[in-house]
Structure formats: C-alpha cells, structure tokens
Amino acid sequence: MKLSLHRIPARIKAVLKPSGLDSDLDEELAHHLDELTNEFIARGLTPDEARREARIKLGGLTQLHELHRETRGIPWLENFSRDFCYACRGFMKERGFTIIALLIIAIGIGLNTTVFSLVNTVLLRPPPFDQPDRLVVISNDSRGRTTGDRSSLTHQIDTWEGLQQTTQSLEEIEAYNPFSIGETHRFESNSGSETIVSLEVSPGLFSMLGVKPILGRSFLPSDAVRNAPSRVLISNQFWRRSLASD
C-alpha cells in the first residue's frame, strides 16, 4: 500500500490515538444503520425485520471496523503494536520463564560477540602490517599447518640464512624465535618492579613488516653480529608507563 506524504501524519495519529477515531466510526455506522432501518420500515417491514435487513445490507460491523482501521492507519505498525503488547502481557504472567529466557539470550549474545571478536581479530581482520596479503609463514609441518607446537615453526639459523640467499619466490625472509615468546623478565625502576615479556627477532623483521619506530632507530644487520651489544625496541605503552616517557 502506497502512502501519500500528506496522509502520513494522519495515519500515524490513527495508530497512536485510535480510540477517538473508533468512537467517530461507531457514531457514523449507527447513523447509517438507523437510516437503513427507517428505509425498510417505510417499505412495510416490522422494526425487527427492518433492523435485520439493515445490518445485512450494511455488512458485518466487525469487518467494517477492521477495513476502516487498515485504510486509515499503518497496518504493519498496528499489527506489530498488538503483537508486542500481547507478548508483554504473556511475559508478565510468566515472569520466571521470562527471566530465564532473557538470561539465556543475554549469555548467547555475549558468547557470540566474544567469539566473533576473537575470530575477527585472529582470522578475518588482516594484521596491521604493510601489504599483509603478501605475508607467508614457513612451516616444518608437512601439511602446511602453522598452529601446532613451536617446533613446527622453528628452523636452524643455517637454514634461514640459506633460504635468504637462494629463494626466488620471496622478496625477504626474516625470523623470530618462537621459544622466546613465553620468556619473562623483571624490570626494576624507582617506582618498583614489574614483569615484562620480550621477543627475539632478526634485524630486518620490522622493516619487512613496514613497522617504523616512533623514536630512535630500528635494528641494523650489525646488531646481529656475534658478541654485538644487545639492542632493544620497547613499546610506546611501556615507554610511557614504566619510563615516564623519558
């Protein structure tokens, strides 16, 4: 049913305040019923017969009410309103069931939101690196899996250096130490001590990923030479929290 723009306010009013319009409709139907009854009485019928014939000619009053509501208002909105009110009354009668149902729905929404957040972060959302669609992981697993134990992600340094020199399929090959992920260290400062985690990486890993330090420099090949001084890149959060941005 198409709605004219100038009729929309009237239809909304009919939905919000139907009682006044129903009263006007009842008066109008009663007037037409009386006129038809008088017309049949003038033809020689008794008052009861005339009333009956008038009702038949006028049609079912209930059907007329429903037809009038459909033409004056917004049917789908009225149906939704009636269904909503009926559901609310049913819920109020069965409060225990309602509370349990709401708890189940809330738990279900919470679990789905959590699972989607994890899947979106881990699987769907690309990693925050430069050209993430070109990144690959070299695995020892014969089925190409990279989610097994840490040994499936580990290679000898000689193997890594050999791949860097001979590969023709990849532009760059950099590395990190999977076994260093779980390592923790104690950091002591004037404000106390805290536990921090670190990750051992090859010198060119950050540049390959397109990650540039906000301050200072990234690692250089000379940092990976045997007996070279240790170099550390710290996170911005750690720098602000534990080093007072100094």
C-alpha atoms as a PDB file:
ATOM      1  CA  MET A   1       0.000   0.000   0.000  1.00  0.00           C
ATOM      2  CA  LYS A   2       1.485   3.311  -1.076  1.00  0.00           C
ATOM      3  CA  LEU A   3       1.219   6.222   1.350  1.00  0.00           C
ATOM      4  CA  SER A   4       0.824   9.812   0.213  1.00  0.00           C
ATOM      5  CA  LEU A   5       3.115  12.148   2.075  1.00  0.00           C
ATOM      6  CA  HIS A   6       0.289  14.405   3.223  1.00  0.00           C
ATOM      7  CA  ARG A   7      -1.533  11.361   4.646  1.00  0.00           C
ATOM      8  CA  ILE A   8       1.361  10.073   6.751  1.00  0.00           C
ATOM      9  CA  PRO A   9       0.717  12.346   9.812  1.00  0.00           C
ATOM     10  CA  ALA A  10      -2.969  11.365   9.832  1.00  0.00           C
ATOM     11  CA  ARG A  11      -2.098   7.673   9.615  1.00  0.00           C
ATOM     12  CA  ILE A  12       0.429   7.951  12.448  1.00  0.00           C
ATOM     13  CA  LYS A  13      -2.186   9.752  14.567  1.00  0.00           C
ATOM     14  CA  ALA A  14      -4.642   6.939  13.808  1.00  0.00           C
ATOM     15  CA  VAL A  15      -2.134   4.420  15.167  1.00  0.00           C
ATOM     16  CA  LEU A  16      -1.273   6.404  18.301  1.00  0.00           C
ATOM     17  CA  LYS A  17      -4.835   7.553  19.188  1.00  0.00           C
ATOM     18  CA  PRO A  18      -7.292   5.035  17.720  1.00  0.00           C
ATOM     19  CA  SER A  19      -9.987   5.386  20.435  1.00  0.00           C
ATOM     20  CA  GLY A  20     -11.277   8.748  19.190  1.00  0.00           C
ATOM     21  CA  LEU A  21     -11.489   7.536  15.604  1.00  0.00           C
ATOM     22  CA  ASP A  22     -13.237   4.331  16.688  1.00  0.00           C
ATOM     23  CA  SER A  23     -15.856   6.399  18.519  1.00  0.00           C
ATOM     24  CA  ASP A  24     -16.448   8.548  15.436  1.00  0.00           C
ATOM     25  CA  LEU A  25     -16.759   5.402  13.305  1.00  0.00           C
ATOM     26  CA  ASP A  26     -19.309   3.881  15.708  1.00  0.00           C
ATOM     27  CA  GLU A  27     -21.436   7.032  15.553  1.00  0.00           C
ATOM     28  CA  GLU A  28     -21.276   7.091  11.759  1.00  0.00           C
ATOM     29  CA  LEU A  29     -22.190   3.404  11.435  1.00  0.00           C
ATOM     30  CA  ALA A  30     -25.053   3.832  13.893  1.00  0.00           C
ATOM     31  CA  HIS A  31     -26.357   6.748  11.836  1.00  0.00           C
ATOM     32  CA  HIS A  32     -26.259   4.722   8.601  1.00  0.00           C
ATOM     33  CA  LEU A  33     -27.880   1.757  10.351  1.00  0.00           C
ATOM     34  CA  ASP A  34     -30.738   3.937  11.608  1.00  0.00           C
ATOM     35  CA  GLU A  35     -31.281   5.405   8.133  1.00  0.00           C
ATOM     36  CA  LEU A  36     -31.410   1.959   6.525  1.00  0.00           C
ATOM     37  CA  THR A  37     -33.744   0.695   9.258  1.00  0.00           C
ATOM     38  CA  ASN A  38     -36.140   3.592   8.682  1.00  0.00           C
ATOM     39  CA  GLU A  39     -35.976   2.956   4.936  1.00  0.00           C
ATOM     40  CA  PHE A  40     -37.003  -0.691   5.377  1.00  0.00           C
ATOM     41  CA  ILE A  41     -39.753   0.247   7.830  1.00  0.00           C
ATOM     42  CA  ALA A  42     -41.102   2.649   5.200  1.00  0.00           C
ATOM     43  CA  ARG A  43     -41.268  -0.326   2.811  1.00  0.00           C
ATOM     44  CA  GLY A  44     -43.587  -2.151   5.236  1.00  0.00           C
ATOM     45  CA  LEU A  45     -41.218  -4.284   7.326  1.00  0.00           C
ATOM     46  CA  THR A  46     -41.523  -4.569  11.076  1.00  0.00           C
ATOM     47  CA  PRO A  47     -38.851  -2.761  13.174  1.00  0.00           C
ATOM     48  CA  ASP A  48     -37.063  -6.034  13.987  1.00  0.00           C
ATOM     49  CA  GLU A  49     -37.095  -7.198  10.360  1.00  0.00           C
ATOM     50  CA  ALA A  50     -36.020  -3.756   9.176  1.00  0.00           C
ATOM     51  CA  ARG A  51     -33.139  -3.737  11.650  1.00  0.00           C
ATOM     52  CA  ARG A  52     -32.037  -7.162  10.499  1.00  0.00           C
ATOM     53  CA  GLU A  53     -32.175  -6.241   6.813  1.00  0.00           C
ATOM     54  CA  ALA A  54     -30.269  -3.029   7.520  1.00  0.00           C
ATOM     55  CA  ARG A  55     -27.488  -4.954   9.238  1.00  0.00           C
ATOM     56  CA  ILE A  56     -27.290  -7.373   6.297  1.00  0.00           C
ATOM     57  CA  LYS A  57     -27.116  -4.573   3.732  1.00  0.00           C
ATOM     58  CA  LEU A  58     -24.603  -2.555   5.741  1.00  0.00           C
ATOM     59  CA  GLY A  59     -22.360  -5.613   6.184  1.00  0.00           C
ATOM     60  CA  GLY A  60     -20.599  -7.048   9.248  1.00  0.00           C
ATOM     61  CA  LEU A  61     -19.760  -4.300  11.707  1.00  0.00           C
ATOM     62  CA  THR A  62     -16.590  -6.085  12.819  1.00  0.00           C
ATOM     63  CA  GLN A  63     -15.367  -6.384   9.233  1.00  0.00           C
ATOM     64  CA  LEU A  64     -16.154  -2.729   8.639  1.00  0.00           C
ATOM     65  CA  HIS A  65     -14.142  -1.746  11.696  1.00  0.00           C
ATOM     66  CA  GLU A  66     -11.121  -3.777  10.517  1.00  0.00           C
ATOM     67  CA  LEU A  67     -11.357  -2.395   6.965  1.00  0.00           C
ATOM     68  CA  HIS A  68     -11.560   1.153   8.291  1.00  0.00           C
ATOM     69  CA  ARG A  69      -8.506   0.623  10.548  1.00  0.00           C
ATOM     70  CA  GLU A  70      -6.479  -0.702   7.602  1.00  0.00           C
ATOM     71  CA  THR A  71      -7.339   2.242   5.371  1.00  0.00           C
ATOM     72  CA  ARG A  72      -6.826   4.943   7.991  1.00  0.00           C
ATOM     73  CA  GLY A  73      -3.645   3.694   9.705  1.00  0.00           C
ATOM     74  CA  ILE A  74      -0.453   1.725   9.042  1.00  0.00           C
ATOM     75  CA  PRO A  75      -1.402  -1.987   9.163  1.00  0.00           C
ATOM     76  CA  TRP A  76       2.060  -3.452   9.773  1.00  0.00           C
ATOM     77  CA  LEU A  77       2.731  -0.987  12.591  1.00  0.00           C
ATOM     78  CA  GLU A  78      -0.612  -1.727  14.221  1.00  0.00           C
ATOM     79  CA  ASN A  79      -0.036  -5.480  13.926  1.00  0.00           C
ATOM     80  CA  PHE A  80       3.418  -5.110  15.461  1.00  0.00           C
ATOM     81  CA  SER A  81       1.993  -2.999  18.289  1.00  0.00           C
ATOM     82  CA  ARG A  82      -0.710  -5.558  19.071  1.00  0.00           C
ATOM     83  CA  ASP A  83       1.734  -8.470  18.930  1.00  0.00           C
ATOM     84  CA  PHE A  84       4.211  -6.586  21.134  1.00  0.00           C
ATOM     85  CA  CYS A  85       1.557  -5.775  23.749  1.00  0.00           C
ATOM     86  CA  TYR A  86       0.329  -9.379  23.695  1.00  0.00           C
ATOM     87  CA  ALA A  87       3.900 -10.668  24.158  1.00  0.00           C
ATOM     88  CA  CYS A  88       4.492  -8.255  27.061  1.00  0.00           C
ATOM     89  CA  ARG A  89       1.319  -9.415  28.808  1.00  0.00           C
ATOM     90  CA  GLY A  90       2.373 -13.021  28.334  1.00  0.00           C
ATOM     91  CA  PHE A  91       5.834 -12.299  29.746  1.00  0.00           C
ATOM     92  CA  MET A  92       4.347 -10.543  32.769  1.00  0.00           C
ATOM     93  CA  LYS A  93       2.207 -13.592  33.538  1.00  0.00           C
ATOM     94  CA  GLU A  94       5.204 -15.948  33.297  1.00  0.00           C
ATOM     95  CA  ARG A  95       7.919 -13.872  34.980  1.00  0.00           C
ATOM     96  CA  GLY A  96      10.119 -16.823  35.893  1.00  0.00           C
ATOM     97  CA  PHE A  97      10.184 -18.062  32.314  1.00  0.00           C
ATOM     98  CA  THR A  98      10.813 -14.520  31.079  1.00  0.00           C
ATOM     99  CA  ILE A  99      13.829 -14.021  33.367  1.00  0.00           C
ATOM    100  CA  ILE A 100      15.360 -17.361  32.342  1.00  0.00           C
ATOM    101  CA  ALA A 101      14.755 -16.626  28.657  1.00  0.00           C
ATOM    102  CA  LEU A 102      16.340 -13.177  28.937  1.00  0.00           C
ATOM    103  CA  LEU A 103      19.363 -14.626  30.739  1.00  0.00           C
ATOM    104  CA  ILE A 104      19.815 -17.281  28.049  1.00  0.00           C
ATOM    105  CA  ILE A 105      19.527 -14.653  25.308  1.00  0.00           C
ATOM    106  CA  ALA A 106      21.973 -12.338  27.093  1.00  0.00           C
ATOM    107  CA  ILE A 107      24.504 -15.160  27.575  1.00  0.00           C
ATOM    108  CA  GLY A 108      24.085 -16.230  23.950  1.00  0.00           C
ATOM    109  CA  ILE A 109      24.630 -12.684  22.668  1.00  0.00           C
ATOM    110  CA  GLY A 110      27.652 -12.261  24.925  1.00  0.00           C
ATOM    111  CA  LEU A 111      29.230 -15.540  23.788  1.00  0.00           C
ATOM    112  CA  ASN A 112      28.568 -14.801  20.120  1.00  0.00           C
ATOM    113  CA  THR A 113      30.029 -11.310  20.485  1.00  0.00           C
ATOM    114  CA  THR A 114      33.138 -12.683  22.192  1.00  0.00           C
ATOM    115  CA  VAL A 115      33.659 -15.448  19.635  1.00  0.00           C
ATOM    116  CA  PHE A 116      33.149 -13.052  16.723  1.00  0.00           C
ATOM    117  CA  SER A 117      35.591 -10.573  18.253  1.00  0.00           C
ATOM    118  CA  LEU A 118      38.240 -13.295  18.523  1.00  0.00           C
ATOM    119  CA  VAL A 119      37.581 -14.656  15.030  1.00  0.00           C
ATOM    120  CA  ASN A 120      37.526 -11.149  13.572  1.00  0.00           C
ATOM    121  CA  THR A 121      40.803 -10.246  15.274  1.00  0.00           C
ATOM    122  CA  VAL A 122      42.632 -13.506  14.569  1.00  0.00           C
ATOM    123  CA  LEU A 123      41.191 -14.701  11.241  1.00  0.00           C
ATOM    124  CA  LEU A 124      39.162 -12.042   9.448  1.00  0.00           C
ATOM    125  CA  ARG A 125      40.927  -8.765  10.164  1.00  0.00           C
ATOM    126  CA  PRO A 126      44.277  -8.552   8.364  1.00  0.00           C
ATOM    127  CA  PRO A 127      47.342  -7.980  10.571  1.00  0.00           C
ATOM    128  CA  PRO A 128      48.320  -4.299  10.931  1.00  0.00           C
ATOM    129  CA  PHE A 129      51.312  -4.523   8.650  1.00  0.00           C
ATOM    130  CA  ASP A 130      52.233  -3.200   5.217  1.00  0.00           C
ATOM    131  CA  GLN A 131      50.759  -5.408   2.458  1.00  0.00           C
ATOM    132  CA  PRO A 132      49.552  -8.196   4.803  1.00  0.00           C
ATOM    133  CA  ASP A 133      48.216 -10.239   1.855  1.00  0.00           C
ATOM    134  CA  ARG A 134      51.824 -10.857   0.761  1.00  0.00           C
ATOM    135  CA  LEU A 135      52.983 -12.259   4.105  1.00  0.00           C
ATOM    136  CA  VAL A 136      53.523 -16.012   4.474  1.00  0.00           C
ATOM    137  CA  VAL A 137      54.810 -18.267   7.238  1.00  0.00           C
ATOM    138  CA  ILE A 138      57.331 -21.030   6.522  1.00  0.00           C
ATOM    139  CA  SER A 139      56.427 -24.156   8.480  1.00  0.00           C
ATOM    140  CA  ASN A 140      58.079 -27.515   9.092  1.00  0.00           C
ATOM    141  CA  ASP A 141      54.676 -29.249   9.145  1.00  0.00           C
ATOM    142  CA  SER A 142      54.214 -31.458   6.078  1.00  0.00           C
ATOM    143  CA  ARG A 143      50.533 -30.405   5.888  1.00  0.00           C
ATOM    144  CA  GLY A 144      51.411 -26.718   5.943  1.00  0.00           C
ATOM    145  CA  ARG A 145      49.904 -26.070   9.374  1.00  0.00           C
ATOM    146  CA  THR A 146      51.270 -23.197  11.447  1.00  0.00           C
ATOM    147  CA  THR A 147      49.147 -23.757  14.553  1.00  0.00           C
ATOM    148  CA  GLY A 148      50.967 -26.742  16.010  1.00  0.00           C
ATOM    149  CA  ASP A 149      53.713 -26.748  18.607  1.00  0.00           C
ATOM    150  CA  ARG A 150      56.567 -24.283  18.433  1.00  0.00           C
ATOM    151  CA  SER A 151      58.874 -26.854  16.862  1.00  0.00           C
ATOM    152  CA  SER A 152      56.791 -26.700  13.664  1.00  0.00           C
ATOM    153  CA  LEU A 153      57.759 -23.010  13.355  1.00  0.00           C
ATOM    154  CA  THR A 154      61.430 -23.424  14.196  1.00  0.00           C
ATOM    155  CA  HIS A 155      64.355 -23.739  11.759  1.00  0.00           C
ATOM    156  CA  GLN A 156      68.106 -23.816  12.169  1.00  0.00           C
ATOM    157  CA  ILE A 157      69.819 -20.466  11.644  1.00  0.00           C
ATOM    158  CA  ASP A 158      71.872 -22.014   8.832  1.00  0.00           C
ATOM    159  CA  THR A 159      68.637 -22.993   7.082  1.00  0.00           C
ATOM    160  CA  TRP A 160      67.255 -19.467   7.421  1.00  0.00           C
ATOM    161  CA  GLU A 161      70.460 -17.888   6.089  1.00  0.00           C
ATOM    162  CA  GLY A 162      70.498 -20.372   3.209  1.00  0.00           C
ATOM    163  CA  LEU A 163      66.904 -19.553   2.297  1.00  0.00           C
ATOM    164  CA  GLN A 164      67.707 -15.840   2.307  1.00  0.00           C
ATOM    165  CA  GLN A 165      70.456 -16.403  -0.268  1.00  0.00           C
ATOM    166  CA  THR A 166      68.681 -18.895  -2.557  1.00  0.00           C
ATOM    167  CA  THR A 167      64.968 -18.098  -2.502  1.00  0.00           C
ATOM    168  CA  GLN A 168      63.409 -16.785  -5.710  1.00  0.00           C
ATOM    169  CA  SER A 169      59.765 -16.857  -4.602  1.00  0.00           C
ATOM    170  CA  LEU A 170      60.003 -14.475  -1.654  1.00  0.00           C
ATOM    171  CA  GLU A 171      61.421 -10.959  -1.602  1.00  0.00           C
ATOM    172  CA  GLU A 172      62.556 -11.144   2.017  1.00  0.00           C
ATOM    173  CA  ILE A 173      62.787 -13.809   4.700  1.00  0.00           C
ATOM    174  CA  GLU A 174      63.042 -12.691   8.318  1.00  0.00           C
ATOM    175  CA  ALA A 175      62.691 -14.619  11.540  1.00  0.00           C
ATOM    176  CA  TYR A 176      61.701 -14.590  15.187  1.00  0.00           C
ATOM    177  CA  ASN A 177      62.331 -17.068  17.979  1.00  0.00           C
ATOM    178  CA  PRO A 178      59.044 -18.822  18.883  1.00  0.00           C
ATOM    179  CA  PHE A 179      60.559 -20.121  22.117  1.00  0.00           C
ATOM    180  CA  SER A 180      61.225 -16.567  23.298  1.00  0.00           C
ATOM    181  CA  ILE A 181      57.506 -15.695  23.327  1.00  0.00           C
ATOM    182  CA  GLY A 182      56.964 -17.148  26.765  1.00  0.00           C
ATOM    183  CA  GLU A 183      60.076 -15.657  28.340  1.00  0.00           C
ATOM    184  CA  THR A 184      59.538 -13.083  31.088  1.00  0.00           C
ATOM    185  CA  HIS A 185      61.921 -10.596  32.673  1.00  0.00           C
ATOM    186  CA  ARG A 186      61.905  -8.488  35.821  1.00  0.00           C
ATOM    187  CA  PHE A 187      62.218  -4.752  35.204  1.00  0.00           C
ATOM    188  CA  GLU A 188      63.344  -2.677  38.165  1.00  0.00           C
ATOM    189  CA  SER A 189      62.725   1.064  38.402  1.00  0.00           C
ATOM    190  CA  ASN A 190      62.299   3.744  41.047  1.00  0.00           C
ATOM    191  CA  SER A 191      58.564   3.088  41.072  1.00  0.00           C
ATOM    192  CA  GLY A 192      59.020  -0.638  41.705  1.00  0.00           C
ATOM    193  CA  SER A 193      59.431  -3.823  39.700  1.00  0.00           C
ATOM    194  CA  GLU A 194      57.272  -5.426  37.049  1.00  0.00           C
ATOM    195  CA  THR A 195      57.250  -8.458  34.801  1.00  0.00           C
ATOM    196  CA  ILE A 196      57.729  -7.832  31.087  1.00  0.00           C
ATOM    197  CA  VAL A 197      57.801 -10.101  28.040  1.00  0.00           C
ATOM    198  CA  SER A 198      60.103  -9.943  25.049  1.00  0.00           C
ATOM    199  CA  LEU A 199      60.546 -11.472  21.619  1.00  0.00           C
ATOM    200  CA  GLU A 200      63.812 -12.199  19.806  1.00  0.00           C
ATOM    201  CA  VAL A 201      63.689 -11.147  16.137  1.00  0.00           C
ATOM    202  CA  SER A 202      66.025 -10.877  13.178  1.00  0.00           C
ATOM    203  CA  PRO A 203      67.306  -7.385  12.307  1.00  0.00           C
ATOM    204  CA  GLY A 204      65.144  -6.875   9.215  1.00  0.00           C
ATOM    205  CA  LEU A 205      61.803  -8.117  10.585  1.00  0.00           C
ATOM    206  CA  PHE A 206      60.357  -4.697  11.424  1.00  0.00           C
ATOM    207  CA  SER A 207      61.403  -3.122   8.125  1.00  0.00           C
ATOM    208  CA  MET A 208      59.890  -6.079   6.209  1.00  0.00           C
ATOM    209  CA  LEU A 209      56.584  -5.583   8.045  1.00  0.00           C
ATOM    210  CA  GLY A 210      56.665  -1.844   7.374  1.00  0.00           C
ATOM    211  CA  VAL A 211      56.879  -1.002  11.095  1.00  0.00           C
ATOM    212  CA  LYS A 212      58.905   2.110  11.903  1.00  0.00           C
ATOM    213  CA  PRO A 213      59.880   3.249  15.410  1.00  0.00           C
ATOM    214  CA  ILE A 214      58.295   6.492  16.619  1.00  0.00           C
ATOM    215  CA  LEU A 215      61.624   7.466  18.201  1.00  0.00           C
ATOM    216  CA  GLY A 216      65.128   6.144  17.633  1.00  0.00           C
ATOM    217  CA  ARG A 217      66.066   3.597  15.004  1.00  0.00           C
ATOM    218  CA  SER A 218      65.165   0.042  14.120  1.00  0.00           C
ATOM    219  CA  PHE A 219      67.611  -2.863  14.189  1.00  0.00           C
ATOM    220  CA  LEU A 220      70.603  -2.989  11.841  1.00  0.00           C
ATOM    221  CA  PRO A 221      72.473  -6.034  10.485  1.00  0.00           C
ATOM    222  CA  SER A 222      75.411  -5.061  12.710  1.00  0.00           C
ATOM    223  CA  ASP A 223      73.175  -5.629  15.779  1.00  0.00           C
ATOM    224  CA  ALA A 224      73.041  -9.350  14.931  1.00  0.00           C
ATOM    225  CA  VAL A 225      76.778  -9.900  14.755  1.00  0.00           C
ATOM    226  CA  ARG A 226      78.133 -12.291  17.378  1.00  0.00           C
ATOM    227  CA  ASN A 227      79.147 -10.521  20.634  1.00  0.00           C
ATOM    228  CA  ALA A 228      77.485  -7.270  19.471  1.00  0.00           C
ATOM    229  CA  PRO A 229      75.870  -5.143  22.218  1.00  0.00           C
ATOM    230  CA  SER A 230      72.269  -6.066  22.980  1.00  0.00           C
ATOM    231  CA  ARG A 231      69.648  -3.835  21.369  1.00  0.00           C
ATOM    232  CA  VAL A 232      66.020  -3.478  22.477  1.00  0.00           C
ATOM    233  CA  LEU A 233      62.941  -1.861  20.925  1.00  0.00           C
ATOM    234  CA  ILE A 234      60.279  -1.060  23.511  1.00  0.00           C
ATOM    235  CA  SER A 235      56.575  -0.423  23.080  1.00  0.00           C
ATOM    236  CA  ASN A 236      55.095   3.042  23.381  1.00  0.00           C
ATOM    237  CA  GLN A 237      52.926   1.837  26.258  1.00  0.00           C
ATOM    238  CA  PHE A 238      55.931   0.542  28.221  1.00  0.00           C
ATOM    239  CA  TRP A 239      57.884   3.738  27.472  1.00  0.00           C
ATOM    240  CA  ARG A 240      55.095   5.929  28.877  1.00  0.00           C
ATOM    241  CA  ARG A 241      54.123   3.702  31.800  1.00  0.00           C
ATOM    242  CA  SER A 242      57.453   2.481  33.101  1.00  0.00           C
ATOM    243  CA  LEU A 243      59.942   5.050  31.808  1.00  0.00           C
ATOM    244  CA  ALA A 244      57.788   8.173  32.251  1.00  0.00           C
ATOM    245  CA  SER A 245      58.265   8.963  28.522  1.00  0.00           C
ATOM    246  CA  ASP A 246      61.975   9.601  29.194  1.00  0.00           C
END
